[in-house]
Amino acid sequence: QLHLTTSEKNELARCLQMVQNQLQEKEREIKREISEYKDRLLQAEKEHQDALTEANQKNEIEIEACHEKISSLEHFICSQKLEIEHLKSNKEQLNNSLKEANQSLGELLKTKVR
């Protein structure tokens, strides 16, 4: 009986050791997978951050280019407004000169007719 019990105990101890070894192996495997997933997550986060930084830089460049274009167009509009005012002034002067010339011509014609 003692021999049988000892034999069963040894068999149970051997089975227990096998199960413990399997559990330890499974734990190592799970830890390795977790480590791999963490590495992949960190890599994905880095790639995402790099892409975001690059997109932000491109946007800043585009925004700056738009600001410069707006500024250039504002200057152009101002110069065109000044040119329009100058042309209006010239037109008014020419109209006045034409009116004076027509009056002078009319007076000359009256004088000639008399």
C-alpha atoms as a PDB file:
ATOM      1  CA  GLN A   1       0.000   0.000   0.000  1.00  0.00           C
ATOM      2  CA  LEU A   2       2.802   2.391   0.967  1.00  0.00           C
ATOM      3  CA  HIS A   3       4.643   1.548  -2.214  1.00  0.00           C
ATOM      4  CA  LEU A   4       1.474   2.201  -4.275  1.00  0.00           C
ATOM      5  CA  THR A   5       0.798   5.506  -2.524  1.00  0.00           C
ATOM      6  CA  THR A   6       4.399   6.606  -2.983  1.00  0.00           C
ATOM      7  CA  SER A   7       4.226   5.658  -6.632  1.00  0.00           C
ATOM      8  CA  GLU A   8       0.969   7.644  -7.081  1.00  0.00           C
ATOM      9  CA  LYS A   9       2.521  10.581  -5.245  1.00  0.00           C
ATOM     10  CA  ASN A  10       5.542  10.504  -7.528  1.00  0.00           C
ATOM     11  CA  GLU A  11       3.287  10.273 -10.596  1.00  0.00           C
ATOM     12  CA  LEU A  12       1.206  13.209  -9.350  1.00  0.00           C
ATOM     13  CA  ALA A  13       4.367  15.212  -8.604  1.00  0.00           C
ATOM     14  CA  ARG A  14       5.645  14.444 -12.113  1.00  0.00           C
ATOM     15  CA  CYS A  15       2.292  15.514 -13.634  1.00  0.00           C
ATOM     16  CA  LEU A  16       2.290  18.653 -11.485  1.00  0.00           C
ATOM     17  CA  GLN A  17       5.821  19.492 -12.633  1.00  0.00           C
ATOM     18  CA  MET A  18       4.775  18.984 -16.277  1.00  0.00           C
ATOM     19  CA  VAL A  19       1.762  21.261 -15.841  1.00  0.00           C
ATOM     20  CA  GLN A  20       3.904  23.878 -14.088  1.00  0.00           C
ATOM     21  CA  ASN A  21       6.461  23.705 -16.909  1.00  0.00           C
ATOM     22  CA  GLN A  22       3.703  24.092 -19.501  1.00  0.00           C
ATOM     23  CA  LEU A  23       2.279  27.063 -17.598  1.00  0.00           C
ATOM     24  CA  GLN A  24       5.703  28.696 -17.368  1.00  0.00           C
ATOM     25  CA  GLU A  25       6.242  28.172 -21.113  1.00  0.00           C
ATOM     26  CA  LYS A  26       2.808  29.604 -21.858  1.00  0.00           C
ATOM     27  CA  GLU A  27       3.546  32.591 -19.591  1.00  0.00           C
ATOM     28  CA  ARG A  28       6.862  33.222 -21.419  1.00  0.00           C
ATOM     29  CA  GLU A  29       5.060  32.984 -24.770  1.00  0.00           C
ATOM     30  CA  ILE A  30       2.342  35.416 -23.657  1.00  0.00           C
ATOM     31  CA  LYS A  31       4.952  37.860 -22.286  1.00  0.00           C
ATOM     32  CA  ARG A  32       6.865  37.649 -25.577  1.00  0.00           C
ATOM     33  CA  GLU A  33       3.660  38.322 -27.555  1.00  0.00           C
ATOM     34  CA  ILE A  34       2.803  41.252 -25.278  1.00  0.00           C
ATOM     35  CA  SER A  35       6.292  42.650 -25.817  1.00  0.00           C
ATOM     36  CA  GLU A  36       5.917  42.265 -29.593  1.00  0.00           C
ATOM     37  CA  TYR A  37       2.517  43.985 -29.535  1.00  0.00           C
ATOM     38  CA  LYS A  38       3.944  46.823 -27.441  1.00  0.00           C
ATOM     39  CA  ASP A  39       6.815  47.237 -29.901  1.00  0.00           C
ATOM     40  CA  ARG A  40       4.403  47.243 -32.841  1.00  0.00           C
ATOM     41  CA  LEU A  41       2.163  49.744 -31.053  1.00  0.00           C
ATOM     42  CA  LEU A  42       5.118  52.048 -30.339  1.00  0.00           C
ATOM     43  CA  GLN A  43       6.233  51.771 -33.974  1.00  0.00           C
ATOM     44  CA  ALA A  44       2.711  52.548 -35.222  1.00  0.00           C
ATOM     45  CA  GLU A  45       2.452  55.522 -32.846  1.00  0.00           C
ATOM     46  CA  LYS A  46       5.833  56.807 -34.037  1.00  0.00           C
ATOM     47  CA  GLU A  47       4.840  56.434 -37.697  1.00  0.00           C
ATOM     48  CA  HIS A  48       1.539  58.172 -36.975  1.00  0.00           C
ATOM     49  CA  GLN A  49       3.319  61.016 -35.162  1.00  0.00           C
ATOM     50  CA  ASP A  50       5.844  61.358 -37.990  1.00  0.00           C
ATOM     51  CA  ALA A  51       3.047  61.494 -40.575  1.00  0.00           C
ATOM     52  CA  LEU A  52       1.186  64.045 -38.468  1.00  0.00           C
ATOM     53  CA  THR A  53       4.300  66.198 -38.088  1.00  0.00           C
ATOM     54  CA  GLU A  54       4.972  66.025 -41.825  1.00  0.00           C
ATOM     55  CA  ALA A  55       1.353  66.948 -42.631  1.00  0.00           C
ATOM     56  CA  ASN A  56       1.503  69.862 -40.187  1.00  0.00           C
ATOM     57  CA  GLN A  57       4.724  71.130 -41.773  1.00  0.00           C
ATOM     58  CA  LYS A  58       3.204  70.916 -45.258  1.00  0.00           C
ATOM     59  CA  ASN A  59       0.100  72.733 -44.031  1.00  0.00           C
ATOM     60  CA  GLU A  60       2.212  75.477 -42.449  1.00  0.00           C
ATOM     61  CA  ILE A  61       4.105  75.931 -45.725  1.00  0.00           C
ATOM     62  CA  GLU A  62       0.842  76.076 -47.683  1.00  0.00           C
ATOM     63  CA  ILE A  63      -0.663  78.532 -45.190  1.00  0.00           C
ATOM     64  CA  GLU A  64       2.424  80.747 -45.446  1.00  0.00           C
ATOM     65  CA  ALA A  65       2.240  80.631 -49.252  1.00  0.00           C
ATOM     66  CA  CYS A  66      -1.452  81.603 -49.082  1.00  0.00           C
ATOM     67  CA  HIS A  67      -0.663  84.494 -46.729  1.00  0.00           C
ATOM     68  CA  GLU A  68       2.021  85.713 -49.130  1.00  0.00           C
ATOM     69  CA  LYS A  69      -0.349  85.433 -52.082  1.00  0.00           C
ATOM     70  CA  ILE A  70      -3.079  87.323 -50.194  1.00  0.00           C
ATOM     71  CA  SER A  71      -0.589  90.042 -49.285  1.00  0.00           C
ATOM     72  CA  SER A  72       0.585  90.270 -52.879  1.00  0.00           C
ATOM     73  CA  LEU A  73      -3.009  90.491 -54.131  1.00  0.00           C
ATOM     74  CA  GLU A  74      -3.823  93.185 -51.551  1.00  0.00           C
ATOM     75  CA  HIS A  75      -0.843  95.248 -52.763  1.00  0.00           C
ATOM     76  CA  PHE A  76      -1.925  94.714 -56.357  1.00  0.00           C
ATOM     77  CA  ILE A  77      -5.493  95.827 -55.544  1.00  0.00           C
ATOM     78  CA  CYS A  78      -4.165  98.954 -53.789  1.00  0.00           C
ATOM     79  CA  SER A  79      -1.986  99.830 -56.765  1.00  0.00           C
ATOM     80  CA  GLN A  80      -4.936  99.270 -59.135  1.00  0.00           C
ATOM     81  CA  LYS A  81      -7.151 101.531 -57.005  1.00  0.00           C
ATOM     82  CA  LEU A  82      -4.483 104.245 -57.102  1.00  0.00           C
ATOM     83  CA  GLU A  83      -4.184 103.798 -60.865  1.00  0.00           C
ATOM     84  CA  ILE A  84      -7.978 104.095 -61.237  1.00  0.00           C
ATOM     85  CA  GLU A  85      -7.996 107.273 -59.147  1.00  0.00           C
ATOM     86  CA  HIS A  86      -5.132 108.659 -61.227  1.00  0.00           C
ATOM     87  CA  LEU A  87      -6.977 107.807 -64.469  1.00  0.00           C
ATOM     88  CA  LYS A  88     -10.193 109.395 -63.160  1.00  0.00           C
ATOM     89  CA  SER A  89      -8.265 112.537 -62.294  1.00  0.00           C
ATOM     90  CA  ASN A  90      -6.637 112.598 -65.740  1.00  0.00           C
ATOM     91  CA  LYS A  91     -10.023 112.053 -67.379  1.00  0.00           C
ATOM     92  CA  GLU A  92     -11.501 114.935 -65.416  1.00  0.00           C
ATOM     93  CA  GLN A  93      -8.593 117.177 -66.381  1.00  0.00           C
ATOM     94  CA  LEU A  94      -8.932 116.148 -70.022  1.00  0.00           C
ATOM     95  CA  ASN A  95     -12.700 116.763 -69.914  1.00  0.00           C
ATOM     96  CA  ASN A  96     -12.081 120.209 -68.425  1.00  0.00           C
ATOM     97  CA  SER A  97      -9.414 120.945 -71.037  1.00  0.00           C
ATOM     98  CA  LEU A  98     -11.764 119.730 -73.775  1.00  0.00           C
ATOM     99  CA  LYS A  99     -14.573 121.897 -72.401  1.00  0.00           C
ATOM    100  CA  GLU A 100     -12.262 124.927 -72.331  1.00  0.00           C
ATOM    101  CA  ALA A 101     -11.022 124.150 -75.859  1.00  0.00           C
ATOM    102  CA  ASN A 102     -14.605 123.818 -77.097  1.00  0.00           C
ATOM    103  CA  GLN A 103     -15.504 127.125 -75.444  1.00  0.00           C
ATOM    104  CA  SER A 104     -12.473 128.780 -77.011  1.00  0.00           C
ATOM    105  CA  LEU A 105     -13.334 127.239 -80.353  1.00  0.00           C
ATOM    106  CA  GLY A 106     -16.911 128.452 -80.014  1.00  0.00           C
ATOM    107  CA  GLU A 107     -15.729 131.962 -79.198  1.00  0.00           C
ATOM    108  CA  LEU A 108     -13.316 131.895 -82.145  1.00  0.00           C
ATOM    109  CA  LEU A 109     -16.069 130.734 -84.469  1.00  0.00           C
ATOM    110  CA  LYS A 110     -18.365 133.514 -83.182  1.00  0.00           C
ATOM    111  CA  THR A 111     -15.594 136.025 -83.721  1.00  0.00           C
ATOM    112  CA  LYS A 112     -14.928 134.695 -87.212  1.00  0.00           C
ATOM    113  CA  VAL A 113     -18.622 134.797 -88.134  1.00  0.00           C
ATOM    114  CA  ARG A 114     -18.936 138.454 -87.118  1.00  0.00           C
END
